[in-house]
Amino acid sequence: MTGQRVPDNTAVRVALWRAMHVEVDAPPHVLVDEVGLRLVAPDDGWRERPDMDPVATRGFRAAMVSRARFVEDLVAEQVGHGVGQYVLLGAGLDTFVQRRPETAERLRVFEIDQPDTQAWKRARLLDLGLPVPDRLRWVPVDFESGQSWWDRLVAAGFDPARPAVVAATGVTMYLSKDTTAAALRRVAGFAPGSTLAMTFLLPDALVDAADRAGLQRAGQGARAAGTPFVSFYRPDEMLDLAREAGFAEVRHVPAATQADRYFSGRSDGLRPSSGEDFLLAST
């Protein structure tokens, strides 16, 4: 490691799960991301960590690559329609710019995240000599501290008059409902033609019985790491929030829809766990 500030524990876990998908799951791979593993550079025994058990975590691993693929397919589709801005709210250790240069070069990409995680990631990219093009803009923000991510986004070069794709995956469970509602109102005010893809955790009662215990363990782990899950949403509740925020169109995309799209016909039975769905909304 470089001696820089430590990245968010959740961001590291997601990066390692994405790498494990390539290492232990049979092709075809839903997402190929080994750049995150290079960033983290874990100790040799990382695969023996309890949260990396290849069997116990296969559903979560599949869910992580499924949601990333869903967003990246959406971004590519919107680029084809002329959208030129991509905002990642809670970017973590996402590596879209480094892995998808043919799409990223047609965009101005804004990564918004906690200052410590972002500073660490920037240092690691430089250490490894990985691409950090000028089209990638950094926006360090502490979401719950009252800092205005919108002001910092515009200061980083975001053009409010042009449409954008906005992605927020694996974020809303860590934020208060008021903070998420405020973010929805802000994004609903983006230029016409903008699209938001946001994930949210379902209450236990709406999670498939087979996945409930695993999601509860994930919640216990998040709490132990100092980043507890604080917000859960029924699909109708999230859709109502988006409508109230002012979005022109809103849609619920269940995890099962993504599973059917990316995992049908696999011989190994790999399938994402349930419990985290998407809100898809447009201005």
Protein backbone atom coordinates (compact mmCIF):
# COMPACT_ATOMS: atom_id res chain seq x y z
CA MET A 1 0.00 0.00 0.00
CA THR A 2 1.02 3.61 -0.41
CA GLY A 3 0.52 4.87 3.12
CA GLN A 4 -2.42 6.99 2.03
CA ARG A 5 -5.71 7.14 3.92
CA VAL A 6 -7.63 3.88 4.15
CA PRO A 7 -10.50 3.30 1.66
CA ASP A 8 -14.02 2.45 2.75
CA ASN A 9 -14.28 -1.19 3.82
CA THR A 10 -17.42 -1.75 1.75
CA ALA A 11 -15.77 -0.38 -1.40
CA VAL A 12 -12.86 -2.80 -0.91
CA ARG A 13 -15.20 -5.77 -0.45
CA VAL A 14 -17.12 -4.97 -3.63
CA ALA A 15 -13.87 -4.64 -5.61
CA LEU A 16 -12.70 -8.04 -4.38
CA TRP A 17 -16.04 -9.71 -5.12
CA ARG A 18 -15.91 -8.33 -8.66
CA ALA A 19 -12.43 -9.81 -9.07
CA MET A 20 -13.56 -13.15 -7.61
CA HIS A 21 -16.28 -13.37 -10.26
CA VAL A 22 -13.55 -13.62 -12.88
CA GLU A 23 -11.38 -15.93 -10.78
CA VAL A 24 -13.86 -18.53 -9.54
CA ASP A 25 -17.02 -18.31 -11.68
CA ALA A 26 -17.21 -20.00 -15.05
CA PRO A 27 -17.50 -17.91 -18.20
CA PRO A 28 -19.31 -16.10 -19.65
CA HIS A 29 -18.47 -13.42 -17.10
CA VAL A 30 -21.11 -10.76 -16.58
CA LEU A 31 -18.44 -8.17 -15.82
CA VAL A 32 -14.67 -8.43 -16.14
CA ASP A 33 -13.05 -6.19 -13.54
CA GLU A 34 -9.61 -7.08 -12.26
CA VAL A 35 -8.49 -3.46 -11.99
CA GLY A 36 -10.14 -3.12 -8.58
CA LEU A 37 -8.05 -6.04 -7.33
CA ARG A 38 -4.90 -4.23 -8.47
CA LEU A 39 -6.01 -1.12 -6.62
CA VAL A 40 -6.66 -2.96 -3.37
CA ALA A 41 -3.56 -5.19 -3.63
CA PRO A 42 -4.72 -7.41 -0.74
CA ASP A 43 -2.52 -9.83 1.19
CA ASP A 44 -2.04 -13.29 -0.31
CA GLY A 45 -4.61 -14.83 2.02
CA TRP A 46 -7.49 -12.56 0.99
CA ARG A 47 -9.41 -15.42 -0.63
CA GLU A 48 -9.61 -17.17 2.76
CA ARG A 49 -11.40 -14.25 4.41
CA PRO A 50 -14.87 -15.28 5.68
CA ASP A 51 -16.50 -12.59 3.53
CA MET A 52 -14.75 -13.99 0.45
CA ASP A 53 -15.86 -17.61 0.80
CA PRO A 54 -16.51 -18.58 -2.85
CA VAL A 55 -19.60 -20.66 -2.05
CA ALA A 56 -21.22 -18.68 0.77
CA THR A 57 -20.86 -15.35 -1.05
CA ARG A 58 -21.64 -16.42 -4.62
CA GLY A 59 -25.07 -14.77 -4.62
CA PHE A 60 -23.68 -11.47 -3.34
CA ARG A 61 -20.80 -11.67 -5.82
CA ALA A 62 -23.26 -12.19 -8.65
CA ALA A 63 -25.38 -9.28 -7.42
CA MET A 64 -22.40 -6.92 -7.44
CA VAL A 65 -21.44 -7.70 -11.02
CA SER A 66 -25.07 -7.70 -12.13
CA ARG A 67 -25.78 -4.21 -10.83
CA ALA A 68 -22.51 -2.86 -12.31
CA ARG A 69 -23.28 -4.41 -15.70
CA PHE A 70 -26.81 -3.00 -15.62
CA VAL A 71 -25.47 0.52 -15.06
CA GLU A 72 -22.72 0.24 -17.65
CA ASP A 73 -25.18 -1.04 -20.26
CA LEU A 74 -27.41 1.94 -19.45
CA VAL A 75 -24.48 4.35 -19.80
CA ALA A 76 -23.49 2.88 -23.18
CA GLU A 77 -27.10 3.13 -24.36
CA GLN A 78 -27.37 6.77 -23.28
CA VAL A 79 -24.04 7.66 -24.88
CA GLY A 80 -25.52 6.31 -28.09
CA HIS A 81 -28.34 8.84 -27.64
CA GLY A 82 -25.87 11.69 -27.31
CA VAL A 83 -25.64 12.00 -23.51
CA GLY A 84 -22.15 13.21 -22.61
CA GLN A 85 -22.04 13.33 -18.80
CA TYR A 86 -21.90 10.46 -16.28
CA VAL A 87 -22.12 11.06 -12.53
CA LEU A 88 -21.32 8.33 -9.99
CA LEU A 89 -22.78 9.13 -6.58
CA GLY A 90 -20.77 7.04 -4.12
CA ALA A 91 -18.26 5.87 -6.73
CA GLY A 92 -16.19 3.73 -4.37
CA LEU A 93 -13.48 1.85 -6.26
CA ASP A 94 -15.39 1.80 -9.54
CA THR A 95 -13.10 1.31 -12.55
CA PHE A 96 -15.37 2.12 -15.50
CA VAL A 97 -13.00 4.77 -16.88
CA GLN A 98 -10.02 2.41 -16.79
CA ARG A 99 -11.89 -0.62 -18.22
CA ARG A 100 -14.19 0.99 -20.77
CA PRO A 101 -12.07 3.69 -22.47
CA GLU A 102 -14.01 3.42 -25.73
CA THR A 103 -17.15 4.60 -23.93
CA ALA A 104 -15.50 6.80 -21.29
CA GLU A 105 -13.73 8.89 -23.92
CA ARG A 106 -17.15 10.06 -25.14
CA LEU A 107 -18.13 11.23 -21.66
CA ARG A 108 -17.15 13.59 -18.92
CA VAL A 109 -17.20 11.34 -15.85
CA PHE A 110 -17.70 12.74 -12.34
CA GLU A 111 -16.91 10.50 -9.37
CA ILE A 112 -18.49 11.70 -6.11
CA ASP A 113 -17.41 9.98 -2.91
CA GLN A 114 -16.10 10.32 0.62
CA PRO A 115 -12.85 12.32 0.65
CA ASP A 116 -10.67 9.62 2.29
CA THR A 117 -11.69 6.83 -0.08
CA GLN A 118 -11.33 9.10 -3.10
CA ALA A 119 -7.90 10.40 -2.08
CA TRP A 120 -6.69 6.83 -1.56
CA LYS A 121 -8.06 5.72 -4.93
CA ARG A 122 -6.46 8.61 -6.80
CA ALA A 123 -3.10 7.84 -5.23
CA ARG A 124 -3.37 4.15 -6.13
CA LEU A 125 -4.26 4.88 -9.76
CA LEU A 126 -1.17 7.07 -10.02
CA ASP A 127 1.02 4.49 -8.27
CA LEU A 128 -0.08 1.83 -10.75
CA GLY A 129 0.18 4.06 -13.81
CA LEU A 130 -3.50 3.48 -14.65
CA PRO A 131 -5.37 5.99 -16.84
CA VAL A 132 -6.64 9.12 -15.11
CA PRO A 133 -7.80 11.20 -18.11
CA ASP A 134 -8.81 14.83 -17.79
CA ARG A 135 -12.37 13.75 -18.62
CA LEU A 136 -12.47 12.07 -15.20
CA ARG A 137 -13.36 14.64 -12.56
CA TRP A 138 -13.08 14.08 -8.80
CA VAL A 139 -15.75 15.40 -6.44
CA PRO A 140 -14.95 14.66 -2.76
CA VAL A 141 -18.05 15.03 -0.55
CA ASP A 142 -19.24 13.77 2.83
CA PHE A 143 -22.92 13.17 2.03
CA GLU A 144 -24.24 13.22 5.60
CA SER A 145 -22.23 16.25 6.79
CA GLY A 146 -24.36 18.79 5.00
CA GLN A 147 -21.80 19.48 2.28
CA SER A 148 -23.41 20.35 -1.07
CA TRP A 149 -22.44 17.70 -3.58
CA TRP A 150 -24.27 19.72 -6.24
CA ASP A 151 -22.12 22.81 -5.72
CA ARG A 152 -18.96 20.73 -5.85
CA LEU A 153 -20.17 18.86 -8.92
CA VAL A 154 -20.74 22.09 -10.84
CA ALA A 155 -17.39 23.44 -9.66
CA ALA A 156 -15.75 20.31 -11.12
CA GLY A 157 -17.11 21.15 -14.57
CA PHE A 158 -20.56 19.58 -14.68
CA ASP A 159 -22.85 21.38 -17.15
CA PRO A 160 -26.37 21.70 -15.66
CA ALA A 161 -27.78 22.55 -19.09
CA ARG A 162 -26.85 19.17 -20.57
CA PRO A 163 -28.36 15.74 -19.75
CA ALA A 164 -26.49 13.16 -17.73
CA VAL A 165 -26.63 9.58 -16.52
CA VAL A 166 -26.49 9.42 -12.72
CA ALA A 167 -25.70 6.15 -10.93
CA ALA A 168 -25.97 5.52 -7.18
CA THR A 169 -25.40 1.84 -6.40
CA GLY A 170 -24.92 0.47 -2.91
CA VAL A 171 -25.41 3.93 -1.39
CA THR A 172 -28.95 4.50 -0.14
CA MET A 173 -28.77 1.88 2.62
CA TYR A 174 -26.09 3.97 4.35
CA LEU A 175 -27.97 7.27 4.09
CA SER A 176 -30.95 8.62 5.98
CA LYS A 177 -34.19 8.73 4.03
CA ASP A 178 -34.14 12.52 4.20
CA THR A 179 -30.69 12.60 2.59
CA THR A 180 -31.81 10.25 -0.18
CA ALA A 181 -35.00 12.27 -0.77
CA ALA A 182 -32.91 15.45 -1.06
CA ALA A 183 -30.61 13.75 -3.59
CA LEU A 184 -33.63 12.62 -5.62
CA ARG A 185 -34.99 16.16 -5.70
CA ARG A 186 -31.65 17.47 -6.91
CA VAL A 187 -31.28 14.88 -9.68
CA ALA A 188 -34.91 15.38 -10.74
CA GLY A 189 -33.88 18.95 -11.52
CA PHE A 190 -31.19 17.86 -13.98
CA ALA A 191 -31.61 18.77 -17.65
CA PRO A 192 -34.37 16.97 -19.58
CA GLY A 193 -33.17 13.64 -20.94
CA SER A 194 -31.22 12.75 -17.79
CA THR A 195 -31.49 9.26 -16.27
CA LEU A 196 -30.96 8.02 -12.71
CA ALA A 197 -30.17 4.41 -11.78
CA MET A 198 -30.28 3.99 -8.00
CA THR A 199 -30.27 0.80 -5.93
CA PHE A 200 -32.11 0.33 -2.64
CA LEU A 201 -32.37 -2.44 -0.07
CA LEU A 202 -35.69 -4.14 0.53
CA PRO A 203 -37.11 -4.78 4.02
CA ASP A 204 -36.52 -8.33 5.27
CA ALA A 205 -40.12 -9.35 4.61
CA LEU A 206 -39.72 -8.69 0.87
CA VAL A 207 -36.42 -10.57 0.50
CA ASP A 208 -36.54 -14.15 -0.78
CA ALA A 209 -36.49 -16.50 2.20
CA ALA A 210 -33.33 -18.22 0.92
CA ASP A 211 -31.45 -14.90 0.94
CA ARG A 212 -32.68 -13.41 4.20
CA ALA A 213 -30.02 -14.85 6.48
CA GLY A 214 -27.23 -13.78 4.16
CA LEU A 215 -28.52 -10.21 3.98
CA GLN A 216 -28.82 -10.11 7.76
CA ARG A 217 -25.19 -11.25 8.06
CA ALA A 218 -24.18 -8.55 5.59
CA GLY A 219 -25.96 -6.00 7.76
CA GLN A 220 -24.20 -7.25 10.86
CA GLY A 221 -20.86 -6.99 9.08
CA ALA A 222 -21.64 -3.47 7.92
CA ARG A 223 -22.52 -2.45 11.46
CA ALA A 224 -19.32 -3.99 12.83
CA ALA A 225 -17.32 -2.06 10.22
CA GLY A 226 -18.89 1.20 11.36
CA THR A 227 -21.10 1.63 8.29
CA PRO A 228 -24.52 0.27 9.35
CA PHE A 229 -27.48 -0.14 7.03
CA VAL A 230 -29.93 2.57 8.11
CA SER A 231 -32.53 2.70 5.32
CA PHE A 232 -34.72 0.12 3.62
CA TYR A 233 -37.47 0.77 1.08
CA ARG A 234 -40.47 -1.02 -0.32
CA PRO A 235 -40.55 -0.60 -4.12
CA ASP A 236 -43.74 1.47 -3.98
CA GLU A 237 -42.16 3.70 -1.33
CA MET A 238 -39.10 4.37 -3.49
CA LEU A 239 -41.26 5.04 -6.56
CA ASP A 240 -43.36 7.50 -4.56
CA LEU A 241 -40.22 9.29 -3.36
CA ALA A 242 -39.02 9.63 -6.95
CA ARG A 243 -42.39 10.91 -8.16
CA GLU A 244 -42.58 13.40 -5.31
CA ALA A 245 -39.05 14.54 -6.18
CA GLY A 246 -40.30 15.52 -9.65
CA PHE A 247 -39.11 12.82 -12.04
CA ALA A 248 -41.12 12.58 -15.26
CA GLU A 249 -40.91 8.77 -15.43
CA VAL A 250 -40.09 6.20 -12.75
CA ARG A 251 -39.67 2.45 -12.92
CA HIS A 252 -38.86 -0.36 -10.50
CA VAL A 253 -36.36 -2.95 -11.77
CA PRO A 254 -36.36 -6.02 -9.47
CA ALA A 255 -33.20 -8.01 -8.89
CA ALA A 256 -34.92 -10.95 -10.58
CA THR A 257 -35.17 -8.95 -13.82
CA GLN A 258 -31.41 -8.41 -13.82
CA ALA A 259 -30.86 -12.06 -12.97
CA ASP A 260 -32.93 -13.16 -15.96
CA ARG A 261 -31.12 -10.70 -18.21
CA TYR A 262 -27.55 -11.64 -17.30
CA PHE A 263 -27.62 -15.14 -15.80
CA SER A 264 -30.18 -17.15 -17.78
CA GLY A 265 -29.01 -20.44 -19.21
CA ARG A 266 -25.87 -20.77 -17.09
CA SER A 267 -24.78 -24.33 -16.44
CA ASP A 268 -23.39 -23.49 -12.98
CA GLY A 269 -26.65 -22.04 -11.61
CA LEU A 270 -24.97 -18.79 -10.62
CA ARG A 271 -27.62 -16.19 -9.84
CA PRO A 272 -27.67 -12.94 -7.86
CA SER A 273 -29.13 -12.88 -4.38
CA SER A 274 -32.32 -10.88 -3.90
CA GLY A 275 -32.73 -7.90 -1.62
CA GLU A 276 -31.35 -4.97 -3.66
CA ASP A 277 -33.48 -3.56 -6.46
CA PHE A 278 -33.12 -0.62 -8.86
CA LEU A 279 -35.02 2.61 -9.22
CA LEU A 280 -34.78 3.81 -12.82
CA ALA A 281 -35.99 7.39 -13.25
CA SER A 282 -35.78 10.01 -15.99
CA THR A 283 -36.32 13.75 -16.23
